[in-house]
Amino acid sequence: MSVEIRKMRKDDLQRALALLAAWNMAPRPPTAEIPDPERASLNIDNSFVALHDGKLVGVASYIVLDKETAETASLAVAKTCQGLGVGYLLQKARL
């Protein structure tokens, strides 16, 4: 299986959010029930996508906490591509 890993682009955002939502990992805006969610947005500059045959099949991102510290945030792979090393490639890219 040939997989391309690259930085996320604006036109990837909706597909990436849909993939994260499938795993209940999508960022959420603040609500009355959850006024301070763990993540309220997905920063495109800090995100990577995996593509197979032009289709987005994975996403990974990180959060910059300060000048010297970042935290891995989300990692999701389409069910059809699990077990094929896509998550590993995304993890390598974001590190």
N, C-alpha and C. Protein backbone atom coordinates (compact mmCIF):
# COMPACT_ATOMS: atom_id res chain seq x y z
N MET A 1 0.85 -1.19 0.00
CA MET A 1 0.00 0.00 0.00
C MET A 1 0.89 1.24 0.00
N SER A 2 0.65 2.13 -0.93
CA SER A 2 1.40 3.37 -1.04
C SER A 2 0.65 4.48 -0.30
N VAL A 3 1.34 5.10 0.66
CA VAL A 3 0.73 6.16 1.45
C VAL A 3 1.61 7.40 1.39
N GLU A 4 1.00 8.54 1.15
CA GLU A 4 1.70 9.82 1.16
C GLU A 4 1.38 10.52 2.48
N ILE A 5 2.42 10.97 3.20
CA ILE A 5 2.23 11.75 4.41
C ILE A 5 2.68 13.17 4.08
N ARG A 6 1.83 14.15 4.39
CA ARG A 6 2.19 15.54 4.15
C ARG A 6 1.51 16.44 5.17
N LYS A 7 1.99 17.69 5.22
CA LYS A 7 1.35 18.68 6.08
C LYS A 7 -0.09 18.88 5.62
N MET A 8 -0.96 19.12 6.56
CA MET A 8 -2.36 19.37 6.25
C MET A 8 -2.51 20.69 5.50
N ARG A 9 -3.47 20.72 4.59
CA ARG A 9 -3.84 21.93 3.87
C ARG A 9 -5.27 22.31 4.25
N LYS A 10 -5.63 23.54 3.96
CA LYS A 10 -6.98 24.00 4.29
C LYS A 10 -8.06 23.10 3.70
N ASP A 11 -7.84 22.64 2.48
CA ASP A 11 -8.88 21.82 1.84
C ASP A 11 -8.95 20.40 2.43
N ASP A 12 -8.04 20.03 3.32
CA ASP A 12 -8.08 18.74 4.01
C ASP A 12 -8.91 18.79 5.29
N LEU A 13 -9.15 19.99 5.79
CA LEU A 13 -9.68 20.16 7.14
C LEU A 13 -11.00 19.42 7.37
N GLN A 14 -11.97 19.57 6.50
CA GLN A 14 -13.27 18.94 6.74
C GLN A 14 -13.18 17.42 6.75
N ARG A 15 -12.39 16.86 5.83
CA ARG A 15 -12.22 15.40 5.80
C ARG A 15 -11.48 14.92 7.05
N ALA A 16 -10.50 15.68 7.50
CA ALA A 16 -9.75 15.31 8.70
C ALA A 16 -10.66 15.36 9.93
N LEU A 17 -11.48 16.40 10.04
CA LEU A 17 -12.41 16.50 11.16
C LEU A 17 -13.42 15.36 11.16
N ALA A 18 -13.87 14.98 9.97
CA ALA A 18 -14.82 13.86 9.88
C ALA A 18 -14.16 12.56 10.34
N LEU A 19 -12.91 12.35 9.97
CA LEU A 19 -12.21 11.15 10.40
C LEU A 19 -12.01 11.16 11.92
N LEU A 20 -11.63 12.30 12.47
CA LEU A 20 -11.47 12.40 13.92
C LEU A 20 -12.81 12.18 14.63
N ALA A 21 -13.89 12.69 14.06
CA ALA A 21 -15.22 12.53 14.67
C ALA A 21 -15.63 11.07 14.71
N ALA A 22 -15.23 10.30 13.69
CA ALA A 22 -15.56 8.87 13.67
C ALA A 22 -14.95 8.14 14.86
N TRP A 23 -13.87 8.67 15.41
CA TRP A 23 -13.21 8.08 16.58
C TRP A 23 -13.46 8.90 17.84
N ASN A 24 -14.43 9.81 17.80
CA ASN A 24 -14.77 10.68 18.93
C ASN A 24 -13.56 11.48 19.40
N MET A 25 -12.76 11.96 18.45
CA MET A 25 -11.56 12.72 18.77
C MET A 25 -11.57 14.12 18.16
N ALA A 26 -12.68 14.51 17.57
CA ALA A 26 -12.74 15.82 16.92
C ALA A 26 -12.74 16.93 17.97
N PRO A 27 -12.08 18.04 17.66
CA PRO A 27 -12.15 19.19 18.57
C PRO A 27 -13.59 19.64 18.75
N ARG A 28 -13.90 20.20 19.90
CA ARG A 28 -15.26 20.65 20.20
C ARG A 28 -15.25 22.09 20.68
N PRO A 29 -16.20 22.86 20.28
CA PRO A 29 -16.29 24.22 20.83
C PRO A 29 -16.79 24.16 22.27
N PRO A 30 -16.49 25.17 23.06
CA PRO A 30 -17.00 25.19 24.44
C PRO A 30 -18.53 25.19 24.44
N THR A 31 -19.09 24.52 25.44
CA THR A 31 -20.54 24.48 25.64
C THR A 31 -20.83 24.72 27.11
N ALA A 32 -22.10 24.84 27.46
CA ALA A 32 -22.46 25.00 28.87
C ALA A 32 -22.04 23.77 29.68
N GLU A 33 -22.18 22.58 29.07
CA GLU A 33 -21.81 21.34 29.77
C GLU A 33 -20.30 21.17 29.86
N ILE A 34 -19.60 21.59 28.81
CA ILE A 34 -18.13 21.48 28.77
C ILE A 34 -17.57 22.85 28.41
N PRO A 35 -17.43 23.75 29.39
CA PRO A 35 -16.99 25.11 29.09
C PRO A 35 -15.53 25.21 28.67
N ASP A 36 -14.72 24.21 29.03
CA ASP A 36 -13.30 24.24 28.71
C ASP A 36 -12.88 22.89 28.12
N PRO A 37 -13.24 22.63 26.85
CA PRO A 37 -12.91 21.33 26.25
C PRO A 37 -11.40 21.17 26.13
N GLU A 38 -10.97 19.93 26.05
CA GLU A 38 -9.54 19.67 25.90
C GLU A 38 -8.98 20.35 24.67
N ARG A 39 -9.78 20.36 23.60
CA ARG A 39 -9.39 20.98 22.34
C ARG A 39 -10.58 21.61 21.66
N ALA A 40 -10.46 22.87 21.29
CA ALA A 40 -11.57 23.56 20.64
C ALA A 40 -11.36 23.72 19.14
N SER A 41 -10.15 23.42 18.64
CA SER A 41 -9.90 23.59 17.22
C SER A 41 -8.76 22.68 16.78
N LEU A 42 -8.56 22.61 15.50
CA LEU A 42 -7.47 21.84 14.91
C LEU A 42 -6.60 22.82 14.13
N ASN A 43 -5.36 22.97 14.54
CA ASN A 43 -4.45 23.90 13.89
C ASN A 43 -3.84 23.23 12.66
N ILE A 44 -4.16 23.71 11.51
CA ILE A 44 -3.68 23.13 10.26
C ILE A 44 -2.15 23.11 10.21
N ASP A 45 -1.51 24.16 10.72
CA ASP A 45 -0.05 24.25 10.69
C ASP A 45 0.62 23.16 11.53
N ASN A 46 -0.11 22.59 12.48
CA ASN A 46 0.45 21.57 13.36
C ASN A 46 -0.16 20.20 13.09
N SER A 47 -0.58 19.97 11.87
CA SER A 47 -1.27 18.72 11.54
C SER A 47 -0.71 18.10 10.27
N PHE A 48 -0.81 16.78 10.20
CA PHE A 48 -0.38 16.01 9.05
C PHE A 48 -1.52 15.12 8.61
N VAL A 49 -1.53 14.78 7.33
CA VAL A 49 -2.52 13.85 6.81
C VAL A 49 -1.83 12.72 6.07
N ALA A 50 -2.52 11.60 6.00
CA ALA A 50 -2.07 10.46 5.21
C ALA A 50 -3.05 10.30 4.06
N LEU A 51 -2.52 10.12 2.85
CA LEU A 51 -3.34 9.95 1.67
C LEU A 51 -3.01 8.63 0.99
N HIS A 52 -4.04 7.94 0.55
CA HIS A 52 -3.88 6.72 -0.23
C HIS A 52 -4.80 6.85 -1.44
N ASP A 53 -4.23 6.77 -2.61
CA ASP A 53 -4.98 6.96 -3.86
C ASP A 53 -5.76 8.27 -3.85
N GLY A 54 -5.16 9.33 -3.30
CA GLY A 54 -5.78 10.63 -3.25
C GLY A 54 -6.84 10.81 -2.17
N LYS A 55 -7.10 9.76 -1.40
CA LYS A 55 -8.13 9.82 -0.36
C LYS A 55 -7.47 9.98 1.01
N LEU A 56 -7.99 10.89 1.82
CA LEU A 56 -7.47 11.10 3.16
C LEU A 56 -7.83 9.89 4.02
N VAL A 57 -6.80 9.21 4.54
CA VAL A 57 -7.02 7.99 5.33
C VAL A 57 -6.44 8.10 6.73
N GLY A 58 -5.84 9.25 7.07
CA GLY A 58 -5.30 9.42 8.41
C GLY A 58 -5.00 10.86 8.71
N VAL A 59 -4.95 11.18 10.00
CA VAL A 59 -4.63 12.53 10.45
C VAL A 59 -3.93 12.45 11.81
N ALA A 60 -2.98 13.33 12.00
CA ALA A 60 -2.28 13.44 13.28
C ALA A 60 -1.94 14.91 13.51
N SER A 61 -1.94 15.32 14.76
CA SER A 61 -1.63 16.71 15.06
C SER A 61 -0.94 16.82 16.41
N TYR A 62 -0.45 18.02 16.67
CA TYR A 62 0.18 18.30 17.95
C TYR A 62 -0.20 19.71 18.38
N ILE A 63 -0.03 19.99 19.67
CA ILE A 63 -0.35 21.29 20.24
C ILE A 63 0.94 21.88 20.80
N VAL A 64 1.27 23.10 20.42
CA VAL A 64 2.44 23.79 20.96
C VAL A 64 2.04 24.41 22.29
N LEU A 65 2.72 24.02 23.36
CA LEU A 65 2.41 24.54 24.69
C LEU A 65 3.24 25.77 25.03
N ASP A 66 4.50 25.78 24.62
CA ASP A 66 5.36 26.95 24.79
C ASP A 66 6.53 26.81 23.82
N LYS A 67 7.55 27.67 23.94
CA LYS A 67 8.67 27.67 22.99
C LYS A 67 9.39 26.34 22.92
N GLU A 68 9.39 25.59 24.00
CA GLU A 68 10.18 24.37 24.06
C GLU A 68 9.36 23.10 24.20
N THR A 69 8.04 23.22 24.31
CA THR A 69 7.22 22.05 24.61
C THR A 69 6.02 21.94 23.68
N ALA A 70 5.80 20.74 23.20
CA ALA A 70 4.61 20.44 22.40
C ALA A 70 4.03 19.12 22.91
N GLU A 71 2.78 18.90 22.58
CA GLU A 71 2.08 17.69 23.04
C GLU A 71 1.39 17.06 21.83
N THR A 72 1.54 15.74 21.69
CA THR A 72 0.80 15.08 20.63
C THR A 72 -0.67 15.19 20.97
N ALA A 73 -1.49 15.38 19.96
CA ALA A 73 -2.91 15.63 20.23
C ALA A 73 -3.78 14.53 19.65
N SER A 74 -3.99 14.53 18.38
CA SER A 74 -4.91 13.55 17.81
C SER A 74 -4.18 12.65 16.82
N LEU A 75 -4.68 11.44 16.70
CA LEU A 75 -4.18 10.50 15.71
C LEU A 75 -5.34 9.59 15.36
N ALA A 76 -5.73 9.58 14.09
CA ALA A 76 -6.83 8.72 13.65
C ALA A 76 -6.51 8.16 12.27
N VAL A 77 -6.85 6.91 12.08
CA VAL A 77 -6.65 6.23 10.81
C VAL A 77 -7.98 5.60 10.41
N ALA A 78 -8.32 5.71 9.14
CA ALA A 78 -9.55 5.11 8.63
C ALA A 78 -9.54 3.61 8.94
N LYS A 79 -10.69 3.07 9.29
CA LYS A 79 -10.79 1.65 9.63
C LYS A 79 -10.25 0.76 8.52
N THR A 80 -10.44 1.17 7.28
CA THR A 80 -10.00 0.36 6.14
C THR A 80 -8.48 0.30 6.02
N CYS A 81 -7.76 1.16 6.74
CA CYS A 81 -6.30 1.22 6.62
C CYS A 81 -5.59 0.88 7.92
N GLN A 82 -6.32 0.44 8.91
CA GLN A 82 -5.68 0.09 10.18
C GLN A 82 -4.82 -1.15 10.01
N GLY A 83 -3.73 -1.18 10.75
CA GLY A 83 -2.83 -2.32 10.71
C GLY A 83 -1.85 -2.29 9.54
N LEU A 84 -1.83 -1.19 8.79
CA LEU A 84 -0.97 -1.09 7.62
C LEU A 84 0.21 -0.13 7.82
N GLY A 85 0.37 0.39 9.04
CA GLY A 85 1.48 1.28 9.34
C GLY A 85 1.21 2.75 9.12
N VAL A 86 -0.01 3.11 8.81
CA VAL A 86 -0.35 4.52 8.55
C VAL A 86 -0.16 5.35 9.82
N GLY A 87 -0.63 4.85 10.94
CA GLY A 87 -0.48 5.56 12.21
C GLY A 87 0.98 5.77 12.57
N TYR A 88 1.81 4.77 12.33
CA TYR A 88 3.25 4.88 12.59
C TYR A 88 3.86 5.99 11.74
N LEU A 89 3.52 6.04 10.47
CA LEU A 89 4.05 7.08 9.59
C LEU A 89 3.59 8.47 10.02
N LEU A 90 2.36 8.59 10.45
CA LEU A 90 1.85 9.88 10.94
C LEU A 90 2.57 10.28 12.23
N GLN A 91 2.77 9.33 13.11
CA GLN A 91 3.48 9.63 14.36
C GLN A 91 4.90 10.11 14.08
N LYS A 92 5.59 9.44 13.16
CA LYS A 92 6.96 9.87 12.80
C LYS A 92 6.95 11.30 12.25
N ALA A 93 5.95 11.61 11.43
CA ALA A 93 5.90 12.95 10.81
C ALA A 93 5.69 14.03 11.88
N ARG A 94 4.81 13.79 12.83
CA ARG A 94 4.55 14.85 13.81
C ARG A 94 5.65 14.97 14.85
N LEU A 95 6.43 13.94 15.04
CA LEU A 95 7.57 14.05 15.98
C LEU A 95 8.71 14.80 15.31
